[in-house]
Amino acid sequence: MSATKRIGVSTDQYAMRSSYDASGREEYIGETYPANQRQQSQPVWRIARLYYDGASTRVIAVLWANGSAEFRFRWDQRTTYTYG
């Protein structure tokens, strides 16, 4: 089961969230505008999934939900999207 953590506002002025896999590695990163950061069930997020080199902590790919970096996804549905 993955855990979710709110990280704050990035240098790009977006609010961010992360969720972690069972090994404690960051698995999903979501960004939205600060005014929307509590709206996890609204399509106001852009979400990326991190892929790792086997069991290591080395990230080998960062892929966007449904291949789009647009702010049109729901954070609470992040595991249902296709990443590529």
N, C-alpha and C. Protein backbone atom coordinates (compact mmCIF):
# COMPACT_ATOMS: atom_id res chain seq x y z
N MET A 1 0.85 -1.17 0.00
CA MET A 1 0.00 0.00 0.00
C MET A 1 0.90 1.24 0.00
N SER A 2 0.55 2.22 -0.80
CA SER A 2 1.39 3.41 -0.86
C SER A 2 0.89 4.48 0.10
N ALA A 3 1.82 5.23 0.60
CA ALA A 3 1.50 6.34 1.51
C ALA A 3 1.55 7.63 0.71
N THR A 4 0.79 8.62 1.11
CA THR A 4 0.78 9.92 0.44
C THR A 4 1.29 10.97 1.40
N LYS A 5 2.06 11.89 0.88
CA LYS A 5 2.62 12.96 1.69
C LYS A 5 2.52 14.26 0.92
N ARG A 6 2.08 15.31 1.57
CA ARG A 6 2.07 16.63 0.96
C ARG A 6 3.43 17.24 1.21
N ILE A 7 4.11 17.66 0.14
CA ILE A 7 5.46 18.18 0.29
C ILE A 7 5.51 19.69 0.36
N GLY A 8 4.52 20.39 -0.12
CA GLY A 8 4.56 21.84 -0.09
C GLY A 8 4.55 22.42 -1.48
N VAL A 9 5.10 23.61 -1.60
CA VAL A 9 5.09 24.32 -2.86
C VAL A 9 6.48 24.27 -3.48
N SER A 10 6.55 23.87 -4.75
CA SER A 10 7.83 23.77 -5.42
C SER A 10 8.31 25.15 -5.86
N THR A 11 9.51 25.19 -6.39
CA THR A 11 10.06 26.45 -6.87
C THR A 11 9.32 26.95 -8.09
N ASP A 12 8.55 26.10 -8.73
CA ASP A 12 7.74 26.50 -9.89
C ASP A 12 6.38 27.04 -9.46
N GLN A 13 6.18 27.23 -8.19
CA GLN A 13 4.94 27.76 -7.63
C GLN A 13 3.75 26.82 -7.77
N TYR A 14 4.00 25.52 -7.74
CA TYR A 14 2.94 24.53 -7.72
C TYR A 14 2.94 23.84 -6.38
N ALA A 15 1.75 23.49 -5.92
CA ALA A 15 1.66 22.63 -4.74
C ALA A 15 1.94 21.22 -5.21
N MET A 16 2.61 20.44 -4.38
CA MET A 16 3.00 19.09 -4.77
C MET A 16 2.54 18.05 -3.76
N ARG A 17 2.31 16.85 -4.27
CA ARG A 17 2.04 15.67 -3.45
C ARG A 17 2.89 14.55 -3.98
N SER A 18 3.24 13.63 -3.10
CA SER A 18 3.96 12.42 -3.48
C SER A 18 3.29 11.23 -2.84
N SER A 19 3.43 10.09 -3.48
CA SER A 19 3.05 8.85 -2.82
C SER A 19 4.20 7.87 -3.02
N TYR A 20 4.31 6.93 -2.11
CA TYR A 20 5.47 6.05 -2.03
C TYR A 20 5.05 4.60 -2.18
N ASP A 21 5.94 3.79 -2.76
CA ASP A 21 5.67 2.36 -2.88
C ASP A 21 6.00 1.65 -1.56
N ALA A 22 5.82 0.34 -1.55
CA ALA A 22 6.05 -0.44 -0.33
C ALA A 22 7.50 -0.40 0.14
N SER A 23 8.43 -0.09 -0.78
CA SER A 23 9.85 0.00 -0.42
C SER A 23 10.25 1.38 0.06
N GLY A 24 9.29 2.30 0.12
CA GLY A 24 9.59 3.65 0.57
C GLY A 24 10.12 4.57 -0.51
N ARG A 25 10.08 4.11 -1.77
CA ARG A 25 10.55 4.94 -2.88
C ARG A 25 9.39 5.79 -3.40
N GLU A 26 9.69 7.01 -3.76
CA GLU A 26 8.67 7.89 -4.32
C GLU A 26 8.17 7.27 -5.62
N GLU A 27 6.84 7.12 -5.76
CA GLU A 27 6.28 6.46 -6.93
C GLU A 27 5.49 7.40 -7.82
N TYR A 28 4.70 8.28 -7.21
CA TYR A 28 3.91 9.25 -7.96
C TYR A 28 4.20 10.65 -7.44
N ILE A 29 4.23 11.61 -8.37
CA ILE A 29 4.37 13.02 -8.01
C ILE A 29 3.23 13.76 -8.68
N GLY A 30 2.52 14.56 -7.91
CA GLY A 30 1.44 15.37 -8.47
C GLY A 30 1.70 16.83 -8.21
N GLU A 31 1.34 17.66 -9.18
CA GLU A 31 1.46 19.11 -9.04
C GLU A 31 0.13 19.75 -9.41
N THR A 32 -0.20 20.81 -8.70
CA THR A 32 -1.37 21.61 -9.01
C THR A 32 -1.11 23.03 -8.55
N TYR A 33 -2.00 23.93 -8.87
CA TYR A 33 -1.86 25.30 -8.38
C TYR A 33 -2.21 25.33 -6.90
N PRO A 34 -1.55 26.17 -6.11
CA PRO A 34 -1.77 26.18 -4.66
C PRO A 34 -3.23 26.27 -4.24
N ALA A 35 -4.05 27.00 -4.95
CA ALA A 35 -5.46 27.12 -4.58
C ALA A 35 -6.20 25.79 -4.69
N ASN A 36 -5.66 24.83 -5.44
CA ASN A 36 -6.32 23.54 -5.66
C ASN A 36 -5.75 22.40 -4.84
N GLN A 37 -4.78 22.66 -3.98
CA GLN A 37 -4.04 21.57 -3.35
C GLN A 37 -4.87 20.64 -2.47
N ARG A 38 -6.01 21.06 -2.01
CA ARG A 38 -6.86 20.18 -1.18
C ARG A 38 -7.91 19.45 -2.01
N GLN A 39 -7.93 19.67 -3.30
CA GLN A 39 -8.95 19.08 -4.18
C GLN A 39 -8.42 17.82 -4.86
N GLN A 40 -8.23 16.79 -4.07
CA GLN A 40 -7.67 15.54 -4.59
C GLN A 40 -8.62 14.80 -5.52
N SER A 41 -9.92 15.09 -5.43
CA SER A 41 -10.92 14.41 -6.25
C SER A 41 -11.34 15.23 -7.46
N GLN A 42 -10.65 16.31 -7.72
CA GLN A 42 -10.98 17.17 -8.86
C GLN A 42 -9.90 17.04 -9.94
N PRO A 43 -10.26 17.20 -11.21
CA PRO A 43 -9.28 17.08 -12.30
C PRO A 43 -8.43 18.34 -12.45
N VAL A 44 -7.60 18.60 -11.45
CA VAL A 44 -6.77 19.81 -11.42
C VAL A 44 -5.28 19.50 -11.23
N TRP A 45 -4.92 18.24 -11.38
CA TRP A 45 -3.55 17.79 -11.13
C TRP A 45 -2.86 17.35 -12.41
N ARG A 46 -1.53 17.52 -12.46
CA ARG A 46 -0.72 16.80 -13.45
C ARG A 46 0.10 15.81 -12.63
N ILE A 47 0.17 14.59 -13.12
CA ILE A 47 0.72 13.50 -12.32
C ILE A 47 1.77 12.75 -13.12
N ALA A 48 2.90 12.49 -12.49
CA ALA A 48 3.96 11.70 -13.11
C ALA A 48 4.23 10.47 -12.24
N ARG A 49 4.64 9.41 -12.90
CA ARG A 49 5.03 8.19 -12.20
C ARG A 49 6.53 7.97 -12.41
N LEU A 50 7.22 7.62 -11.34
CA LEU A 50 8.65 7.36 -11.42
C LEU A 50 8.88 5.86 -11.54
N TYR A 51 9.79 5.50 -12.45
CA TYR A 51 10.17 4.11 -12.64
C TYR A 51 11.63 3.95 -12.23
N TYR A 52 11.93 2.82 -11.58
CA TYR A 52 13.25 2.59 -11.02
C TYR A 52 13.97 1.44 -11.72
N ASP A 53 15.28 1.44 -11.58
CA ASP A 53 16.14 0.39 -12.10
C ASP A 53 16.10 -0.78 -11.12
N GLY A 54 15.18 -1.70 -11.35
CA GLY A 54 15.03 -2.85 -10.46
C GLY A 54 14.71 -2.44 -9.04
N ALA A 55 15.43 -3.02 -8.08
CA ALA A 55 15.20 -2.73 -6.67
C ALA A 55 16.02 -1.54 -6.19
N SER A 56 16.73 -0.89 -7.09
CA SER A 56 17.58 0.23 -6.69
C SER A 56 16.75 1.49 -6.45
N THR A 57 17.41 2.53 -6.02
CA THR A 57 16.75 3.83 -5.84
C THR A 57 17.02 4.75 -7.01
N ARG A 58 17.59 4.22 -8.09
CA ARG A 58 17.93 5.02 -9.25
C ARG A 58 16.73 5.13 -10.19
N VAL A 59 16.24 6.36 -10.39
CA VAL A 59 15.11 6.61 -11.28
C VAL A 59 15.61 6.51 -12.72
N ILE A 60 14.90 5.72 -13.53
CA ILE A 60 15.29 5.59 -14.93
C ILE A 60 14.28 6.22 -15.88
N ALA A 61 13.08 6.54 -15.38
CA ALA A 61 12.06 7.19 -16.23
C ALA A 61 11.05 7.91 -15.37
N VAL A 62 10.57 9.03 -15.88
CA VAL A 62 9.48 9.78 -15.28
C VAL A 62 8.46 9.97 -16.39
N LEU A 63 7.29 9.34 -16.22
CA LEU A 63 6.28 9.35 -17.28
C LEU A 63 4.99 9.99 -16.79
N TRP A 64 4.34 10.73 -17.68
CA TRP A 64 3.12 11.47 -17.34
C TRP A 64 1.87 10.61 -17.47
N ALA A 65 0.86 10.91 -16.66
CA ALA A 65 -0.43 10.23 -16.71
C ALA A 65 -1.02 10.38 -18.12
N ASN A 66 -1.41 9.26 -18.71
CA ASN A 66 -1.99 9.23 -20.05
C ASN A 66 -1.15 10.01 -21.06
N GLY A 67 0.16 10.12 -20.81
CA GLY A 67 1.07 10.78 -21.73
C GLY A 67 0.90 12.29 -21.79
N SER A 68 0.27 12.89 -20.78
CA SER A 68 -0.02 14.32 -20.80
C SER A 68 0.45 15.03 -19.54
N ALA A 69 1.10 16.18 -19.72
CA ALA A 69 1.53 16.99 -18.58
C ALA A 69 0.51 18.10 -18.27
N GLU A 70 -0.69 17.94 -18.76
CA GLU A 70 -1.74 18.93 -18.49
C GLU A 70 -2.33 18.74 -17.10
N PHE A 71 -2.88 19.81 -16.55
CA PHE A 71 -3.52 19.79 -15.23
C PHE A 71 -4.97 19.34 -15.40
N ARG A 72 -5.17 18.04 -15.66
CA ARG A 72 -6.53 17.55 -15.90
C ARG A 72 -6.80 16.19 -15.27
N PHE A 73 -6.00 15.84 -14.28
CA PHE A 73 -6.13 14.53 -13.66
C PHE A 73 -6.50 14.64 -12.19
N ARG A 74 -7.06 13.56 -11.64
CA ARG A 74 -7.45 13.51 -10.23
C ARG A 74 -6.37 12.77 -9.46
N TRP A 75 -5.89 13.39 -8.40
CA TRP A 75 -4.85 12.77 -7.57
C TRP A 75 -5.33 11.44 -6.99
N ASP A 76 -6.58 11.40 -6.54
CA ASP A 76 -7.07 10.17 -5.92
C ASP A 76 -7.28 9.02 -6.92
N GLN A 77 -7.11 9.29 -8.21
CA GLN A 77 -7.23 8.27 -9.24
C GLN A 77 -5.89 7.96 -9.92
N ARG A 78 -4.78 8.40 -9.33
CA ARG A 78 -3.46 8.30 -9.97
C ARG A 78 -3.06 6.89 -10.38
N THR A 79 -3.50 5.89 -9.64
CA THR A 79 -3.11 4.51 -9.97
C THR A 79 -3.90 3.95 -11.14
N THR A 80 -4.95 4.63 -11.58
CA THR A 80 -5.78 4.11 -12.67
C THR A 80 -5.33 4.59 -14.05
N TYR A 81 -4.43 5.56 -14.11
CA TYR A 81 -3.99 6.10 -15.40
C TYR A 81 -2.91 5.24 -16.03
N THR A 82 -2.75 5.41 -17.33
CA THR A 82 -1.67 4.77 -18.07
C THR A 82 -0.50 5.74 -18.12
N TYR A 83 0.70 5.26 -17.86
CA TYR A 83 1.88 6.13 -17.85
C TYR A 83 2.78 5.73 -18.99
N GLY A 84 3.08 6.70 -19.83
CA GLY A 84 3.93 6.41 -20.97
C GLY A 84 4.06 7.57 -21.90
